[in-house]
Amino acid sequence: MRTASVRVNRSAQKQLFHLNLVDKATRDISQQIVVLYGGEQRYDISSSTLIEDIVLKNKSSEPIRSPLFLKALTLSSEVGKVEIANASNGLPGPGAIWDLGKVLPNGVLEPGATSEPYSLVFRVPKDAVPRVEVDLISVQLQVLARETSASARR
């Protein structure tokens, strides 16, 4: 995922609720999901955060059920150190996990369907916001689902 031009907004950022994840067996379903731009990205100058909305699209022929997680494998920026600000497990970099179960309509992402938007929030150093277009944040993501008895038998 790479960001494009970003609208700067001076309004206050809404606080996001942080969840504690229970360590459960998961399986990588990245090949079944496409992470797409969710319709909005903005930089909040008062909190020095970049907010990037994403949606998930199920490109498989099987429904995907909640819980569903997104894991940051890498995180980099051309402007210096950036951090993940709203990971469900509280980590600021690689290994950060977002719990996306609540963005699935009725807890299920049907084949070909997209999820509701979810905001990924990144903290950017105040003095690092460039005046020219750069790749502000680059993050490699992995989509994980909890292991179920049905998926374990496959």
N, C-alpha and C. Protein backbone atom coordinates (compact mmCIF):
# COMPACT_ATOMS: atom_id res chain seq x y z
N MET A 1 0.85 -1.16 0.00
CA MET A 1 0.00 0.00 0.00
C MET A 1 0.91 1.23 0.00
N ARG A 2 0.62 2.18 -0.86
CA ARG A 2 1.35 3.44 -0.89
C ARG A 2 0.32 4.55 -0.85
N THR A 3 0.68 5.66 -0.25
CA THR A 3 -0.26 6.76 -0.18
C THR A 3 -0.06 7.70 -1.35
N ALA A 4 -1.07 8.47 -1.64
CA ALA A 4 -1.00 9.48 -2.70
C ALA A 4 -1.06 10.84 -2.03
N SER A 5 -1.52 11.86 -2.75
CA SER A 5 -1.63 13.17 -2.13
C SER A 5 -2.61 13.10 -0.98
N VAL A 6 -2.34 13.86 0.06
CA VAL A 6 -3.09 13.78 1.30
C VAL A 6 -3.65 15.15 1.66
N ARG A 7 -4.93 15.18 2.04
CA ARG A 7 -5.57 16.41 2.47
C ARG A 7 -5.19 16.67 3.92
N VAL A 8 -4.74 17.89 4.24
CA VAL A 8 -4.39 18.26 5.60
C VAL A 8 -5.61 18.84 6.28
N ASN A 9 -5.94 18.28 7.43
CA ASN A 9 -7.12 18.70 8.17
C ASN A 9 -6.69 19.12 9.57
N ARG A 10 -7.05 20.30 9.98
CA ARG A 10 -6.64 20.81 11.28
C ARG A 10 -7.60 20.40 12.40
N SER A 11 -8.66 19.69 12.09
CA SER A 11 -9.60 19.29 13.14
C SER A 11 -9.02 18.17 13.99
N ALA A 12 -9.54 18.02 15.18
CA ALA A 12 -9.06 17.01 16.11
C ALA A 12 -9.40 15.61 15.60
N GLN A 13 -8.53 14.68 15.91
CA GLN A 13 -8.74 13.29 15.52
C GLN A 13 -9.55 12.58 16.60
N LYS A 14 -10.46 11.74 16.18
CA LYS A 14 -11.25 10.93 17.10
C LYS A 14 -10.35 9.85 17.69
N GLN A 15 -10.46 9.60 18.98
CA GLN A 15 -9.68 8.55 19.62
C GLN A 15 -10.24 7.19 19.21
N LEU A 16 -9.36 6.25 18.94
CA LEU A 16 -9.77 4.92 18.54
C LEU A 16 -9.62 3.95 19.71
N PHE A 17 -10.56 3.05 19.84
CA PHE A 17 -10.57 2.06 20.91
C PHE A 17 -9.55 0.98 20.60
N HIS A 18 -8.68 0.67 21.56
CA HIS A 18 -7.67 -0.36 21.38
C HIS A 18 -8.14 -1.67 22.00
N LEU A 19 -8.10 -2.73 21.23
CA LEU A 19 -8.53 -4.05 21.69
C LEU A 19 -7.32 -4.88 22.09
N ASN A 20 -7.53 -5.80 23.00
CA ASN A 20 -6.50 -6.78 23.32
C ASN A 20 -6.82 -8.05 22.56
N LEU A 21 -5.85 -8.53 21.78
CA LEU A 21 -6.07 -9.74 21.00
C LEU A 21 -5.67 -10.94 21.83
N VAL A 22 -6.49 -11.98 21.75
CA VAL A 22 -6.16 -13.25 22.38
C VAL A 22 -5.31 -14.02 21.38
N ASP A 23 -4.19 -14.56 21.81
CA ASP A 23 -3.31 -15.29 20.91
C ASP A 23 -3.95 -16.62 20.53
N LYS A 24 -4.45 -16.70 19.32
CA LYS A 24 -5.10 -17.92 18.81
C LYS A 24 -4.41 -18.32 17.51
N ALA A 25 -4.60 -19.56 17.14
CA ALA A 25 -4.04 -20.04 15.89
C ALA A 25 -4.72 -19.32 14.73
N THR A 26 -3.93 -18.84 13.78
CA THR A 26 -4.47 -18.15 12.61
C THR A 26 -3.90 -18.78 11.34
N ARG A 27 -4.56 -18.49 10.24
CA ARG A 27 -4.07 -18.94 8.94
C ARG A 27 -4.00 -17.74 8.01
N ASP A 28 -3.05 -17.75 7.10
CA ASP A 28 -2.85 -16.66 6.16
C ASP A 28 -3.85 -16.81 5.02
N ILE A 29 -4.72 -15.80 4.85
CA ILE A 29 -5.69 -15.82 3.75
C ILE A 29 -5.45 -14.64 2.81
N SER A 30 -4.22 -14.14 2.78
CA SER A 30 -3.87 -12.98 1.95
C SER A 30 -4.21 -13.20 0.48
N GLN A 31 -4.10 -14.44 -0.01
CA GLN A 31 -4.39 -14.74 -1.41
C GLN A 31 -5.89 -14.66 -1.72
N GLN A 32 -6.72 -14.68 -0.69
CA GLN A 32 -8.17 -14.65 -0.88
C GLN A 32 -8.75 -13.24 -0.75
N ILE A 33 -7.94 -12.30 -0.32
CA ILE A 33 -8.40 -10.94 -0.01
C ILE A 33 -7.57 -9.93 -0.79
N VAL A 34 -8.25 -8.87 -1.24
CA VAL A 34 -7.56 -7.73 -1.83
C VAL A 34 -7.81 -6.55 -0.89
N VAL A 35 -6.74 -5.84 -0.53
CA VAL A 35 -6.86 -4.62 0.29
C VAL A 35 -6.94 -3.45 -0.68
N LEU A 36 -8.04 -2.69 -0.62
CA LEU A 36 -8.28 -1.59 -1.54
C LEU A 36 -8.38 -0.26 -0.80
N TYR A 37 -8.18 0.82 -1.55
CA TYR A 37 -8.38 2.16 -1.01
C TYR A 37 -9.83 2.31 -0.58
N GLY A 38 -10.05 2.83 0.63
CA GLY A 38 -11.39 2.89 1.20
C GLY A 38 -12.13 4.18 1.03
N GLY A 39 -11.60 5.11 0.25
CA GLY A 39 -12.36 6.32 -0.06
C GLY A 39 -11.86 7.60 0.57
N GLU A 40 -10.99 7.51 1.56
CA GLU A 40 -10.50 8.75 2.16
C GLU A 40 -9.12 8.53 2.78
N GLN A 41 -8.28 9.54 2.64
CA GLN A 41 -7.02 9.61 3.37
C GLN A 41 -6.80 11.06 3.73
N ARG A 42 -6.27 11.27 4.93
CA ARG A 42 -6.10 12.64 5.40
C ARG A 42 -4.97 12.69 6.42
N TYR A 43 -4.37 13.86 6.52
CA TYR A 43 -3.35 14.11 7.53
C TYR A 43 -3.94 15.08 8.55
N ASP A 44 -3.94 14.68 9.81
CA ASP A 44 -4.45 15.52 10.89
C ASP A 44 -3.25 16.21 11.54
N ILE A 45 -3.13 17.50 11.28
CA ILE A 45 -1.96 18.24 11.75
C ILE A 45 -1.90 18.35 13.27
N SER A 46 -3.06 18.38 13.93
CA SER A 46 -3.06 18.53 15.39
C SER A 46 -2.52 17.29 16.10
N SER A 47 -2.69 16.11 15.52
CA SER A 47 -2.19 14.89 16.16
C SER A 47 -1.03 14.25 15.39
N SER A 48 -0.61 14.89 14.30
CA SER A 48 0.46 14.36 13.45
C SER A 48 0.17 12.94 13.00
N THR A 49 -1.07 12.70 12.57
CA THR A 49 -1.43 11.36 12.12
C THR A 49 -1.94 11.38 10.69
N LEU A 50 -1.57 10.34 9.98
CA LEU A 50 -2.08 10.08 8.65
C LEU A 50 -3.12 8.99 8.78
N ILE A 51 -4.32 9.24 8.30
CA ILE A 51 -5.41 8.28 8.37
C ILE A 51 -5.70 7.80 6.96
N GLU A 52 -5.62 6.49 6.76
CA GLU A 52 -5.82 5.88 5.45
C GLU A 52 -6.96 4.88 5.57
N ASP A 53 -8.06 5.12 4.87
CA ASP A 53 -9.19 4.20 4.90
C ASP A 53 -8.98 3.09 3.87
N ILE A 54 -9.25 1.86 4.29
CA ILE A 54 -9.14 0.71 3.41
C ILE A 54 -10.45 -0.07 3.45
N VAL A 55 -10.66 -0.89 2.45
CA VAL A 55 -11.72 -1.90 2.45
C VAL A 55 -11.08 -3.22 2.01
N LEU A 56 -11.69 -4.31 2.42
CA LEU A 56 -11.23 -5.64 2.03
C LEU A 56 -12.23 -6.22 1.03
N LYS A 57 -11.72 -6.85 -0.02
CA LYS A 57 -12.59 -7.50 -0.99
C LYS A 57 -12.25 -8.99 -1.01
N ASN A 58 -13.29 -9.80 -0.91
CA ASN A 58 -13.13 -11.25 -0.95
C ASN A 58 -13.07 -11.67 -2.42
N LYS A 59 -11.90 -12.11 -2.86
CA LYS A 59 -11.76 -12.54 -4.25
C LYS A 59 -11.84 -14.06 -4.40
N SER A 60 -12.16 -14.74 -3.30
CA SER A 60 -12.30 -16.20 -3.36
C SER A 60 -13.75 -16.58 -3.64
N SER A 61 -13.99 -17.87 -3.77
CA SER A 61 -15.35 -18.36 -4.02
C SER A 61 -16.02 -18.82 -2.72
N GLU A 62 -15.35 -18.64 -1.59
CA GLU A 62 -15.87 -19.05 -0.29
C GLU A 62 -16.11 -17.84 0.60
N PRO A 63 -17.14 -17.85 1.44
CA PRO A 63 -17.32 -16.77 2.40
C PRO A 63 -16.19 -16.76 3.42
N ILE A 64 -15.82 -15.59 3.88
CA ILE A 64 -14.79 -15.44 4.92
C ILE A 64 -15.48 -14.91 6.15
N ARG A 65 -15.29 -15.60 7.26
CA ARG A 65 -15.99 -15.26 8.49
C ARG A 65 -15.08 -14.55 9.48
N SER A 66 -15.72 -13.74 10.32
CA SER A 66 -15.02 -13.06 11.40
C SER A 66 -14.61 -14.10 12.43
N PRO A 67 -13.53 -13.95 13.15
CA PRO A 67 -12.66 -12.78 13.20
C PRO A 67 -11.66 -12.76 12.04
N LEU A 68 -11.26 -11.55 11.69
CA LEU A 68 -10.34 -11.32 10.59
C LEU A 68 -9.32 -10.28 11.05
N PHE A 69 -8.07 -10.51 10.74
CA PHE A 69 -7.00 -9.63 11.20
C PHE A 69 -6.12 -9.17 10.04
N LEU A 70 -5.55 -8.00 10.19
CA LEU A 70 -4.59 -7.46 9.24
C LEU A 70 -3.29 -7.27 10.00
N LYS A 71 -2.20 -7.80 9.48
CA LYS A 71 -0.90 -7.73 10.16
C LYS A 71 0.09 -6.95 9.31
N ALA A 72 0.78 -6.00 9.93
CA ALA A 72 1.83 -5.24 9.25
C ALA A 72 3.11 -6.06 9.25
N LEU A 73 3.60 -6.40 8.06
CA LEU A 73 4.85 -7.15 7.95
C LEU A 73 6.05 -6.21 7.88
N THR A 74 5.88 -5.09 7.17
CA THR A 74 6.92 -4.08 7.07
C THR A 74 6.28 -2.71 7.19
N LEU A 75 7.07 -1.70 7.54
CA LEU A 75 6.61 -0.32 7.61
C LEU A 75 7.80 0.58 7.35
N SER A 76 7.69 1.46 6.35
CA SER A 76 8.79 2.37 6.04
C SER A 76 8.23 3.68 5.50
N SER A 77 9.10 4.68 5.42
CA SER A 77 8.70 5.98 4.91
C SER A 77 9.93 6.71 4.38
N GLU A 78 9.70 7.55 3.37
CA GLU A 78 10.77 8.37 2.82
C GLU A 78 11.04 9.60 3.69
N VAL A 79 10.20 9.84 4.69
CA VAL A 79 10.35 11.05 5.51
C VAL A 79 10.88 10.77 6.91
N GLY A 80 11.28 9.54 7.19
CA GLY A 80 11.80 9.22 8.52
C GLY A 80 10.94 8.20 9.22
N LYS A 81 11.06 8.16 10.53
CA LYS A 81 10.36 7.14 11.33
C LYS A 81 8.87 7.45 11.42
N VAL A 82 8.06 6.49 11.03
CA VAL A 82 6.61 6.57 11.19
C VAL A 82 6.19 5.40 12.07
N GLU A 83 5.05 5.55 12.72
CA GLU A 83 4.55 4.49 13.60
C GLU A 83 3.08 4.23 13.33
N ILE A 84 2.66 3.02 13.60
CA ILE A 84 1.25 2.67 13.55
C ILE A 84 0.63 3.14 14.85
N ALA A 85 -0.47 3.89 14.75
CA ALA A 85 -1.05 4.51 15.95
C ALA A 85 -2.31 3.82 16.46
N ASN A 86 -2.89 2.91 15.70
CA ASN A 86 -4.16 2.32 16.14
C ASN A 86 -4.22 0.80 16.01
N ALA A 87 -3.08 0.13 16.15
CA ALA A 87 -3.09 -1.33 16.08
C ALA A 87 -3.85 -1.90 17.27
N SER A 88 -4.60 -2.93 17.03
CA SER A 88 -5.38 -3.57 18.10
C SER A 88 -4.49 -4.16 19.18
N ASN A 89 -3.28 -4.60 18.81
CA ASN A 89 -2.38 -5.16 19.81
C ASN A 89 -1.40 -4.13 20.36
N GLY A 90 -1.53 -2.86 19.94
CA GLY A 90 -0.71 -1.77 20.49
C GLY A 90 0.69 -1.63 19.93
N LEU A 91 1.11 -2.50 19.02
CA LEU A 91 2.47 -2.40 18.47
C LEU A 91 2.55 -1.26 17.46
N PRO A 92 3.68 -0.53 17.44
CA PRO A 92 3.80 0.62 16.54
C PRO A 92 4.43 0.33 15.18
N GLY A 93 4.86 -0.91 14.94
CA GLY A 93 5.55 -1.22 13.69
C GLY A 93 5.24 -2.62 13.22
N PRO A 94 6.21 -3.25 12.51
CA PRO A 94 5.99 -4.61 12.04
C PRO A 94 5.55 -5.51 13.20
N GLY A 95 4.56 -6.34 12.91
CA GLY A 95 3.96 -7.18 13.94
C GLY A 95 2.66 -6.60 14.49
N ALA A 96 2.39 -5.34 14.14
CA ALA A 96 1.13 -4.72 14.56
C ALA A 96 -0.03 -5.45 13.91
N ILE A 97 -1.10 -5.62 14.67
CA ILE A 97 -2.28 -6.33 14.17
C ILE A 97 -3.52 -5.49 14.41
N TRP A 98 -4.31 -5.36 13.33
CA TRP A 98 -5.61 -4.70 13.43
C TRP A 98 -6.68 -5.78 13.41
N ASP A 99 -7.67 -5.68 14.29
CA ASP A 99 -8.80 -6.60 14.32
C ASP A 99 -9.89 -6.02 13.42
N LEU A 100 -10.15 -6.65 12.29
CA LEU A 100 -11.10 -6.13 11.31
C LEU A 100 -12.43 -6.87 11.30
N GLY A 101 -12.69 -7.68 12.30
CA GLY A 101 -13.92 -8.45 12.34
C GLY A 101 -15.18 -7.60 12.28
N LYS A 102 -15.14 -6.40 12.84
CA LYS A 102 -16.35 -5.56 12.89
C LYS A 102 -16.68 -4.89 11.56
N VAL A 103 -15.79 -4.95 10.58
CA VAL A 103 -16.09 -4.32 9.29
C VAL A 103 -16.72 -5.30 8.30
N LEU A 104 -16.89 -6.55 8.72
CA LEU A 104 -17.53 -7.55 7.87
C LEU A 104 -19.04 -7.49 8.09
N PRO A 105 -19.81 -7.28 7.04
CA PRO A 105 -21.27 -7.24 7.19
C PRO A 105 -21.80 -8.53 7.83
N ASN A 106 -22.44 -8.42 8.97
CA ASN A 106 -22.97 -9.58 9.70
C ASN A 106 -21.90 -10.62 10.01
N GLY A 107 -20.63 -10.18 10.12
CA GLY A 107 -19.54 -11.10 10.46
C GLY A 107 -19.07 -11.99 9.34
N VAL A 108 -19.54 -11.74 8.10
CA VAL A 108 -19.17 -12.58 6.96
C VAL A 108 -18.85 -11.69 5.76
N LEU A 109 -17.79 -12.03 5.06
CA LEU A 109 -17.46 -11.36 3.80
C LEU A 109 -17.72 -12.37 2.68
N GLU A 110 -18.83 -12.17 2.00
CA GLU A 110 -19.25 -13.10 0.95
C GLU A 110 -18.32 -12.99 -0.27
N PRO A 111 -18.27 -14.02 -1.12
CA PRO A 111 -17.44 -13.96 -2.33
C PRO A 111 -17.79 -12.73 -3.17
N GLY A 112 -16.77 -11.99 -3.58
CA GLY A 112 -16.95 -10.79 -4.40
C GLY A 112 -17.37 -9.55 -3.63
N ALA A 113 -17.69 -9.69 -2.36
CA ALA A 113 -18.16 -8.54 -1.55
C ALA A 113 -16.98 -7.77 -0.97
N THR A 114 -17.26 -6.52 -0.60
CA THR A 114 -16.27 -5.69 0.09
C THR A 114 -16.76 -5.38 1.49
N SER A 115 -15.80 -5.15 2.37
CA SER A 115 -16.09 -4.82 3.76
C SER A 115 -16.48 -3.35 3.88
N GLU A 116 -16.88 -2.96 5.06
CA GLU A 116 -17.05 -1.55 5.38
C GLU A 116 -15.65 -0.94 5.48
N PRO A 117 -15.49 0.38 5.31
CA PRO A 117 -14.17 0.99 5.43
C PRO A 117 -13.60 0.85 6.85
N TYR A 118 -12.29 0.76 6.92
CA TYR A 118 -11.55 0.71 8.19
C TYR A 118 -10.40 1.69 8.08
N SER A 119 -10.17 2.47 9.12
CA SER A 119 -9.10 3.47 9.11
C SER A 119 -7.82 2.93 9.72
N LEU A 120 -6.75 2.92 8.94
CA LEU A 120 -5.41 2.65 9.45
C LEU A 120 -4.82 4.00 9.83
N VAL A 121 -4.28 4.12 11.03
CA VAL A 121 -3.78 5.40 11.52
C VAL A 121 -2.28 5.29 11.77
N PHE A 122 -1.53 6.22 11.17
CA PHE A 122 -0.07 6.25 11.29
C PHE A 122 0.36 7.57 11.90
N ARG A 123 1.31 7.52 12.83
CA ARG A 123 1.88 8.73 13.42
C ARG A 123 3.10 9.14 12.60
N VAL A 124 3.10 10.38 12.14
CA VAL A 124 4.17 10.92 11.31
C VAL A 124 4.83 12.06 12.08
N PRO A 125 6.16 12.09 12.19
CA PRO A 125 6.81 13.20 12.90
C PRO A 125 6.36 14.55 12.34
N LYS A 126 6.05 15.50 13.23
CA LYS A 126 5.54 16.81 12.81
C LYS A 126 6.44 17.51 11.80
N ASP A 127 7.73 17.40 11.99
CA ASP A 127 8.67 18.09 11.09
C ASP A 127 8.97 17.29 9.82
N ALA A 128 8.33 16.14 9.65
CA ALA A 128 8.63 15.28 8.51
C ALA A 128 7.61 15.39 7.38
N VAL A 129 6.53 16.13 7.57
CA VAL A 129 5.52 16.22 6.52
C VAL A 129 6.11 17.02 5.36
N PRO A 130 6.25 16.38 4.20
CA PRO A 130 6.89 17.04 3.05
C PRO A 130 5.97 18.02 2.35
N ARG A 131 6.58 18.96 1.66
CA ARG A 131 5.83 19.93 0.86
C ARG A 131 5.70 19.45 -0.59
N VAL A 132 6.39 18.37 -0.92
CA VAL A 132 6.30 17.79 -2.26
C VAL A 132 5.76 16.38 -2.14
N GLU A 133 5.31 15.81 -3.26
CA GLU A 133 4.73 14.48 -3.23
C GLU A 133 5.82 13.42 -3.07
N VAL A 134 5.67 12.57 -2.06
CA VAL A 134 6.58 11.45 -1.81
C VAL A 134 5.73 10.27 -1.37
N ASP A 135 6.36 9.09 -1.34
CA ASP A 135 5.69 7.94 -0.74
C ASP A 135 5.83 8.10 0.76
N LEU A 136 4.81 8.68 1.37
CA LEU A 136 4.87 8.99 2.79
C LEU A 136 4.98 7.73 3.63
N ILE A 137 4.18 6.72 3.31
CA ILE A 137 4.22 5.48 4.06
C ILE A 137 4.10 4.30 3.10
N SER A 138 4.91 3.30 3.32
CA SER A 138 4.81 2.05 2.59
C SER A 138 4.69 0.94 3.62
N VAL A 139 3.65 0.12 3.50
CA VAL A 139 3.43 -0.95 4.46
C VAL A 139 3.03 -2.22 3.71
N GLN A 140 3.67 -3.33 4.06
CA GLN A 140 3.30 -4.63 3.49
C GLN A 140 2.38 -5.29 4.50
N LEU A 141 1.22 -5.78 4.02
CA LEU A 141 0.19 -6.32 4.90
C LEU A 141 -0.07 -7.79 4.63
N GLN A 142 -0.51 -8.49 5.67
CA GLN A 142 -0.93 -9.88 5.57
C GLN A 142 -2.31 -9.99 6.20
N VAL A 143 -3.22 -10.74 5.57
CA VAL A 143 -4.56 -10.93 6.11
C VAL A 143 -4.62 -12.30 6.77
N LEU A 144 -5.11 -12.33 8.01
CA LEU A 144 -5.16 -13.56 8.79
C LEU A 144 -6.58 -13.83 9.26
N ALA A 145 -6.95 -15.08 9.30
CA ALA A 145 -8.23 -15.50 9.87
C ALA A 145 -7.93 -16.52 10.94
N ARG A 146 -8.81 -16.60 11.93
CA ARG A 146 -8.63 -17.59 12.98
C ARG A 146 -8.84 -18.98 12.41
N GLU A 147 -8.03 -19.90 12.87
CA GLU A 147 -8.16 -21.30 12.49
C GLU A 147 -9.46 -21.84 13.06
N THR A 148 -10.25 -22.48 12.22
CA THR A 148 -11.47 -23.12 12.68
C THR A 148 -11.33 -24.61 12.45
N SER A 149 -12.19 -25.40 13.03
CA SER A 149 -12.09 -26.85 12.83
C SER A 149 -12.26 -27.21 11.36
N ALA A 150 -13.12 -26.45 10.64
CA ALA A 150 -13.33 -26.72 9.21
C ALA A 150 -12.09 -26.38 8.40
N SER A 151 -11.44 -25.25 8.70
CA SER A 151 -10.25 -24.89 7.93
C SER A 151 -9.07 -25.76 8.29
N ALA A 152 -9.00 -26.29 9.49
CA ALA A 152 -7.90 -27.15 9.90
C ALA A 152 -7.97 -28.50 9.18
N ARG A 153 -9.18 -28.93 8.78
CA ARG A 153 -9.32 -30.21 8.10
C ARG A 153 -8.91 -30.15 6.64
N ARG A 154 -8.81 -28.94 6.06
CA ARG A 154 -8.49 -28.82 4.63
C ARG A 154 -7.08 -29.23 4.32
